[in-house]
Amino acid sequence: MSCTPPASCGGGGKPSGASGSSGTGGADSAIAKMEATFNMAIEKSAKITEISTAKKAELDATKQRPQN
């Protein structure tokens, strides 16, 4: 498997947002971006779980046999 461009795969060059010889600002920026991405993924996952749970409940309801 190959990555294009290499910088997106963790190789080569300075990370975006890095400045001068101290990359702490760039590191903080990268961490903030990762946190935002993870938070978005968690929100989407929760929404998917909510929808799939509702759909499974509907499907289970249709499989129920009427009680005599």
PDB file of N, CA and C in Angstrom:
ATOM      1  N   MET A   1       0.848  -1.170   0.000  1.00  0.00           N
ATOM      2  CA  MET A   1       0.000   0.000   0.000  1.00  0.00           C
ATOM      3  C   MET A   1       0.893   1.231   0.000  1.00  0.00           C
ATOM      4  N   SER A   2       0.533   2.241  -0.804  1.00  0.00           N
ATOM      5  CA  SER A   2       1.336   3.456  -0.848  1.00  0.00           C
ATOM      6  C   SER A   2       0.461   4.651  -0.532  1.00  0.00           C
ATOM      7  N   CYS A   3       1.106   5.725  -0.049  1.00  0.00           N
ATOM      8  CA  CYS A   3       0.392   6.937   0.314  1.00  0.00           C
ATOM      9  C   CYS A   3       0.823   8.062  -0.593  1.00  0.00           C
ATOM     10  N   THR A   4      -0.133   8.871  -1.029  1.00  0.00           N
ATOM     11  CA  THR A   4       0.184  10.021  -1.852  1.00  0.00           C
ATOM     12  C   THR A   4      -0.583  11.206  -1.321  1.00  0.00           C
ATOM     13  N   PRO A   5      -0.020  12.315  -1.045  1.00  0.00           N
ATOM     14  CA  PRO A   5       1.406  12.589  -1.001  1.00  0.00           C
ATOM     15  C   PRO A   5       2.036  12.022   0.262  1.00  0.00           C
ATOM     16  N   PRO A   6       3.359  11.853   0.293  1.00  0.00           N
ATOM     17  CA  PRO A   6       4.029  11.244   1.444  1.00  0.00           C
ATOM     18  C   PRO A   6       3.764  11.967   2.756  1.00  0.00           C
ATOM     19  N   ALA A   7       3.609  13.294   2.733  1.00  0.00           N
ATOM     20  CA  ALA A   7       3.390  14.035   3.982  1.00  0.00           C
ATOM     21  C   ALA A   7       2.105  13.596   4.671  1.00  0.00           C
ATOM     22  N   SER A   8       1.115  13.133   3.890  1.00  0.00           N
ATOM     23  CA  SER A   8      -0.135  12.699   4.506  1.00  0.00           C
ATOM     24  C   SER A   8       0.015  11.351   5.205  1.00  0.00           C
ATOM     25  N   CYS A   9       1.115  10.670   4.945  1.00  0.00           N
ATOM     26  CA  CYS A   9       1.362   9.362   5.549  1.00  0.00           C
ATOM     27  C   CYS A   9       2.339   9.446   6.712  1.00  0.00           C
ATOM     28  N   GLY A  10       2.660  10.650   7.129  1.00  0.00           N
ATOM     29  CA  GLY A  10       3.547  10.813   8.261  1.00  0.00           C
ATOM     30  C   GLY A  10       5.005  10.920   7.882  1.00  0.00           C
ATOM     31  N   GLY A  11       5.300  11.002   6.600  1.00  0.00           N
ATOM     32  CA  GLY A  11       6.689  11.076   6.203  1.00  0.00           C
ATOM     33  C   GLY A  11       7.020  12.390   5.514  1.00  0.00           C
ATOM     34  N   GLY A  12       8.240  12.829   5.677  1.00  0.00           N
ATOM     35  CA  GLY A  12       8.763  13.964   4.935  1.00  0.00           C
ATOM     36  C   GLY A  12       8.215  15.312   5.328  1.00  0.00           C
ATOM     37  N   GLY A  13       9.080  16.303   5.306  1.00  0.00           N
ATOM     38  CA  GLY A  13       8.681  17.683   5.493  1.00  0.00           C
ATOM     39  C   GLY A  13       8.213  18.031   6.883  1.00  0.00           C
ATOM     40  N   LYS A  14       7.948  19.318   7.055  1.00  0.00           N
ATOM     41  CA  LYS A  14       7.429  19.803   8.340  1.00  0.00           C
ATOM     42  C   LYS A  14       5.932  19.575   8.385  1.00  0.00           C
ATOM     43  N   PRO A  15       5.385  19.270   9.548  1.00  0.00           N
ATOM     44  CA  PRO A  15       3.927  19.196   9.650  1.00  0.00           C
ATOM     45  C   PRO A  15       3.340  20.566   9.423  1.00  0.00           C
ATOM     46  N   SER A  16       2.147  20.625   8.853  1.00  0.00           N
ATOM     47  CA  SER A  16       1.540  21.928   8.621  1.00  0.00           C
ATOM     48  C   SER A  16       1.306  22.617   9.956  1.00  0.00           C
ATOM     49  N   GLY A  17       1.592  23.900   9.988  1.00  0.00           N
ATOM     50  CA  GLY A  17       1.422  24.653  11.215  1.00  0.00           C
ATOM     51  C   GLY A  17       2.696  24.744  12.032  1.00  0.00           C
ATOM     52  N   ALA A  18       3.733  23.992  11.677  1.00  0.00           N
ATOM     53  CA  ALA A  18       4.981  24.054  12.430  1.00  0.00           C
ATOM     54  C   ALA A  18       5.703  25.336  12.049  1.00  0.00           C
ATOM     55  N   SER A  19       6.311  25.981  13.021  1.00  0.00           N
ATOM     56  CA  SER A  19       7.000  27.223  12.718  1.00  0.00           C
ATOM     57  C   SER A  19       8.355  27.237  13.399  1.00  0.00           C
ATOM     58  N   GLY A  20       9.350  27.741  12.674  1.00  0.00           N
ATOM     59  CA  GLY A  20      10.683  27.907  13.246  1.00  0.00           C
ATOM     60  C   GLY A  20      11.275  26.609  13.741  1.00  0.00           C
ATOM     61  N   SER A  21      12.130  26.731  14.757  1.00  0.00           N
ATOM     62  CA  SER A  21      12.796  25.546  15.273  1.00  0.00           C
ATOM     63  C   SER A  21      11.980  24.852  16.354  1.00  0.00           C
ATOM     64  N   SER A  22      11.011  25.580  16.942  1.00  0.00           N
ATOM     65  CA  SER A  22      10.174  24.932  17.949  1.00  0.00           C
ATOM     66  C   SER A  22       8.839  24.582  17.322  1.00  0.00           C
ATOM     67  N   GLY A  23       8.525  23.299  17.266  1.00  0.00           N
ATOM     68  CA  GLY A  23       7.308  22.851  16.626  1.00  0.00           C
ATOM     69  C   GLY A  23       6.155  22.675  17.586  1.00  0.00           C
ATOM     70  N   THR A  24       6.226  23.263  18.785  1.00  0.00           N
ATOM     71  CA  THR A  24       5.155  23.038  19.759  1.00  0.00           C
ATOM     72  C   THR A  24       3.841  23.625  19.290  1.00  0.00           C
ATOM     73  N   GLY A  25       3.884  24.772  18.604  1.00  0.00           N
ATOM     74  CA  GLY A  25       2.655  25.358  18.070  1.00  0.00           C
ATOM     75  C   GLY A  25       2.033  24.445  17.036  1.00  0.00           C
ATOM     76  N   GLY A  26       2.877  23.854  16.189  1.00  0.00           N
ATOM     77  CA  GLY A  26       2.397  22.923  15.180  1.00  0.00           C
ATOM     78  C   GLY A  26       1.859  21.658  15.814  1.00  0.00           C
ATOM     79  N   ALA A  27       2.523  21.203  16.870  1.00  0.00           N
ATOM     80  CA  ALA A  27       2.069  19.994  17.561  1.00  0.00           C
ATOM     81  C   ALA A  27       0.719  20.252  18.228  1.00  0.00           C
ATOM     82  N   ASP A  28       0.585  21.409  18.857  1.00  0.00           N
ATOM     83  CA  ASP A  28      -0.689  21.753  19.490  1.00  0.00           C
ATOM     84  C   ASP A  28      -1.804  21.840  18.460  1.00  0.00           C
ATOM     85  N   SER A  29      -1.478  22.421  17.312  1.00  0.00           N
ATOM     86  CA  SER A  29      -2.454  22.543  16.235  1.00  0.00           C
ATOM     87  C   SER A  29      -2.855  21.161  15.714  1.00  0.00           C
ATOM     88  N   ALA A  30      -1.864  20.291  15.555  1.00  0.00           N
ATOM     89  CA  ALA A  30      -2.138  18.936  15.067  1.00  0.00           C
ATOM     90  C   ALA A  30      -2.993  18.164  16.058  1.00  0.00           C
ATOM     91  N   ILE A  31      -2.697  18.319  17.343  1.00  0.00           N
ATOM     92  CA  ILE A  31      -3.485  17.632  18.377  1.00  0.00           C
ATOM     93  C   ILE A  31      -4.917  18.156  18.367  1.00  0.00           C
ATOM     94  N   ALA A  32      -5.086  19.467  18.211  1.00  0.00           N
ATOM     95  CA  ALA A  32      -6.428  20.047  18.171  1.00  0.00           C
ATOM     96  C   ALA A  32      -7.209  19.518  16.970  1.00  0.00           C
ATOM     97  N   LYS A  33      -6.529  19.384  15.824  1.00  0.00           N
ATOM     98  CA  LYS A  33      -7.192  18.843  14.626  1.00  0.00           C
ATOM     99  C   LYS A  33      -7.601  17.392  14.853  1.00  0.00           C
ATOM    100  N   MET A  34      -6.715  16.617  15.477  1.00  0.00           N
ATOM    101  CA  MET A  34      -7.033  15.211  15.744  1.00  0.00           C
ATOM    102  C   MET A  34      -8.211  15.092  16.700  1.00  0.00           C
ATOM    103  N   GLU A  35      -8.217  15.931  17.740  1.00  0.00           N
ATOM    104  CA  GLU A  35      -9.327  15.900  18.690  1.00  0.00           C
ATOM    105  C   GLU A  35     -10.639  16.243  18.000  1.00  0.00           C
ATOM    106  N   ALA A  36     -10.617  17.250  17.137  1.00  0.00           N
ATOM    107  CA  ALA A  36     -11.830  17.634  16.410  1.00  0.00           C
ATOM    108  C   ALA A  36     -12.299  16.491  15.514  1.00  0.00           C
ATOM    109  N   THR A  37     -11.356  15.832  14.853  1.00  0.00           N
ATOM    110  CA  THR A  37     -11.703  14.711  13.980  1.00  0.00           C
ATOM    111  C   THR A  37     -12.282  13.552  14.778  1.00  0.00           C
ATOM    112  N   PHE A  38     -11.663  13.225  15.910  1.00  0.00           N
ATOM    113  CA  PHE A  38     -12.180  12.141  16.744  1.00  0.00           C
ATOM    114  C   PHE A  38     -13.558  12.483  17.297  1.00  0.00           C
ATOM    115  N   ASN A  39     -13.758  13.728  17.725  1.00  0.00           N
ATOM    116  CA  ASN A  39     -15.071  14.130  18.236  1.00  0.00           C
ATOM    117  C   ASN A  39     -16.134  14.008  17.159  1.00  0.00           C
ATOM    118  N   MET A  40     -15.799  14.406  15.923  1.00  0.00           N
ATOM    119  CA  MET A  40     -16.748  14.288  14.817  1.00  0.00           C
ATOM    120  C   MET A  40     -17.060  12.815  14.561  1.00  0.00           C
ATOM    121  N   ALA A  41     -16.040  11.962  14.593  1.00  0.00           N
ATOM    122  CA  ALA A  41     -16.252  10.533  14.365  1.00  0.00           C
ATOM    123  C   ALA A  41     -17.130   9.924  15.456  1.00  0.00           C
ATOM    124  N   ILE A  42     -16.919  10.340  16.700  1.00  0.00           N
ATOM    125  CA  ILE A  42     -17.730   9.833  17.813  1.00  0.00           C
ATOM    126  C   ILE A  42     -19.188  10.261  17.640  1.00  0.00           C
ATOM    127  N   GLU A  43     -19.410  11.514  17.232  1.00  0.00           N
ATOM    128  CA  GLU A  43     -20.778  11.993  17.015  1.00  0.00           C
ATOM    129  C   GLU A  43     -21.455  11.206  15.900  1.00  0.00           C
ATOM    130  N   LYS A  44     -20.736  10.984  14.798  1.00  0.00           N
ATOM    131  CA  LYS A  44     -21.310  10.235  13.678  1.00  0.00           C
ATOM    132  C   LYS A  44     -21.592   8.794  14.081  1.00  0.00           C
ATOM    133  N   SER A  45     -20.692   8.198  14.841  1.00  0.00           N
ATOM    134  CA  SER A  45     -20.888   6.829  15.297  1.00  0.00           C
ATOM    135  C   SER A  45     -22.122   6.719  16.184  1.00  0.00           C
ATOM    136  N   ALA A  46     -22.305   7.707  17.064  1.00  0.00           N
ATOM    137  CA  ALA A  46     -23.477   7.706  17.946  1.00  0.00           C
ATOM    138  C   ALA A  46     -24.761   7.816  17.125  1.00  0.00           C
ATOM    139  N   LYS A  47     -24.739   8.654  16.089  1.00  0.00           N
ATOM    140  CA  LYS A  47     -25.928   8.813  15.246  1.00  0.00           C
ATOM    141  C   LYS A  47     -26.228   7.520  14.495  1.00  0.00           C
ATOM    142  N   ILE A  48     -25.184   6.874  13.971  1.00  0.00           N
ATOM    143  CA  ILE A  48     -25.359   5.598  13.262  1.00  0.00           C
ATOM    144  C   ILE A  48     -25.927   4.552  14.208  1.00  0.00           C
ATOM    145  N   THR A  49     -25.400   4.497  15.431  1.00  0.00           N
ATOM    146  CA  THR A  49     -25.900   3.535  16.419  1.00  0.00           C
ATOM    147  C   THR A  49     -27.361   3.800  16.735  1.00  0.00           C
ATOM    148  N   GLU A  50     -27.714   5.061  16.887  1.00  0.00           N
ATOM    149  CA  GLU A  50     -29.106   5.432  17.186  1.00  0.00           C
ATOM    150  C   GLU A  50     -30.036   4.984  16.059  1.00  0.00           C
ATOM    151  N   ILE A  51     -29.651   5.258  14.813  1.00  0.00           N
ATOM    152  CA  ILE A  51     -30.482   4.892  13.664  1.00  0.00           C
ATOM    153  C   ILE A  51     -30.570   3.383  13.525  1.00  0.00           C
ATOM    154  N   SER A  52     -29.434   2.690  13.635  1.00  0.00           N
ATOM    155  CA  SER A  52     -29.460   1.240  13.451  1.00  0.00           C
ATOM    156  C   SER A  52     -30.237   0.549  14.566  1.00  0.00           C
ATOM    157  N   THR A  53     -30.173   1.077  15.775  1.00  0.00           N
ATOM    158  CA  THR A  53     -30.949   0.498  16.883  1.00  0.00           C
ATOM    159  C   THR A  53     -32.440   0.641  16.614  1.00  0.00           C
ATOM    160  N   ALA A  54     -32.850   1.807  16.129  1.00  0.00           N
ATOM    161  CA  ALA A  54     -34.271   2.029  15.810  1.00  0.00           C
ATOM    162  C   ALA A  54     -34.715   1.094  14.687  1.00  0.00           C
ATOM    163  N   LYS A  55     -33.876   0.940  13.664  1.00  0.00           N
ATOM    164  CA  LYS A  55     -34.233   0.064  12.539  1.00  0.00           C
ATOM    165  C   LYS A  55     -34.314  -1.394  12.989  1.00  0.00           C
ATOM    166  N   LYS A  56     -33.413  -1.811  13.859  1.00  0.00           N
ATOM    167  CA  LYS A  56     -33.458  -3.186  14.367  1.00  0.00           C
ATOM    168  C   LYS A  56     -34.721  -3.415  15.185  1.00  0.00           C
ATOM    169  N   ALA A  57     -35.122  -2.413  15.955  1.00  0.00           N
ATOM    170  CA  ALA A  57     -36.354  -2.542  16.745  1.00  0.00           C
ATOM    171  C   ALA A  57     -37.563  -2.666  15.823  1.00  0.00           C
ATOM    172  N   GLU A  58     -37.578  -1.884  14.752  1.00  0.00           N
ATOM    173  CA  GLU A  58     -38.677  -1.981  13.778  1.00  0.00           C
ATOM    174  C   GLU A  58     -38.706  -3.362  13.135  1.00  0.00           C
ATOM    175  N   LEU A  59     -37.542  -3.861  12.764  1.00  0.00           N
ATOM    176  CA  LEU A  59     -37.462  -5.173  12.133  1.00  0.00           C
ATOM    177  C   LEU A  59     -37.917  -6.264  13.094  1.00  0.00           C
ATOM    178  N   ASP A  60     -37.495  -6.186  14.349  1.00  0.00           N
ATOM    179  CA  ASP A  60     -37.909  -7.165  15.341  1.00  0.00           C
ATOM    180  C   ASP A  60     -39.427  -7.119  15.536  1.00  0.00           C
ATOM    181  N   ALA A  61     -40.005  -5.924  15.489  1.00  0.00           N
ATOM    182  CA  ALA A  61     -41.446  -5.790  15.667  1.00  0.00           C
ATOM    183  C   ALA A  61     -42.196  -6.468  14.530  1.00  0.00           C
ATOM    184  N   THR A  62     -41.651  -6.392  13.311  1.00  0.00           N
ATOM    185  CA  THR A  62     -42.327  -7.024  12.170  1.00  0.00           C
ATOM    186  C   THR A  62     -42.206  -8.539  12.214  1.00  0.00           C
ATOM    187  N   LYS A  63     -41.214  -9.068  12.924  1.00  0.00           N
ATOM    188  CA  LYS A  63     -41.032 -10.510  13.014  1.00  0.00           C
ATOM    189  C   LYS A  63     -41.868 -11.138  14.125  1.00  0.00           C
ATOM    190  N   GLN A  64     -42.455 -10.329  14.974  1.00  0.00           N
ATOM    191  CA  GLN A  64     -43.260 -10.846  16.084  1.00  0.00           C
ATOM    192  C   GLN A  64     -44.505 -11.531  15.536  1.00  0.00           C
ATOM    193  N   ARG A  65     -44.837 -12.643  16.116  1.00  0.00           N
ATOM    194  CA  ARG A  65     -46.072 -13.334  15.743  1.00  0.00           C
ATOM    195  C   ARG A  65     -47.197 -12.823  16.616  1.00  0.00           C
ATOM    196  N   PRO A  66     -48.366 -12.674  16.033  1.00  0.00           N
ATOM    197  CA  PRO A  66     -49.495 -12.202  16.849  1.00  0.00           C
ATOM    198  C   PRO A  66     -49.844 -13.243  17.924  1.00  0.00           C
ATOM    199  N   GLN A  67     -50.171 -12.766  19.103  1.00  0.00           N
ATOM    200  CA  GLN A  67     -50.552 -13.647  20.208  1.00  0.00           C
ATOM    201  C   GLN A  67     -52.019 -14.045  20.052  1.00  0.00           C
ATOM    202  N   ASN A  68     -52.305 -15.334  20.246  1.00  0.00           N
ATOM    203  CA  ASN A  68     -53.697 -15.824  20.162  1.00  0.00           C
ATOM    204  C   ASN A  68     -54.283 -15.941  21.528  1.00  0.00           C
TER     205      ASN A  68
END
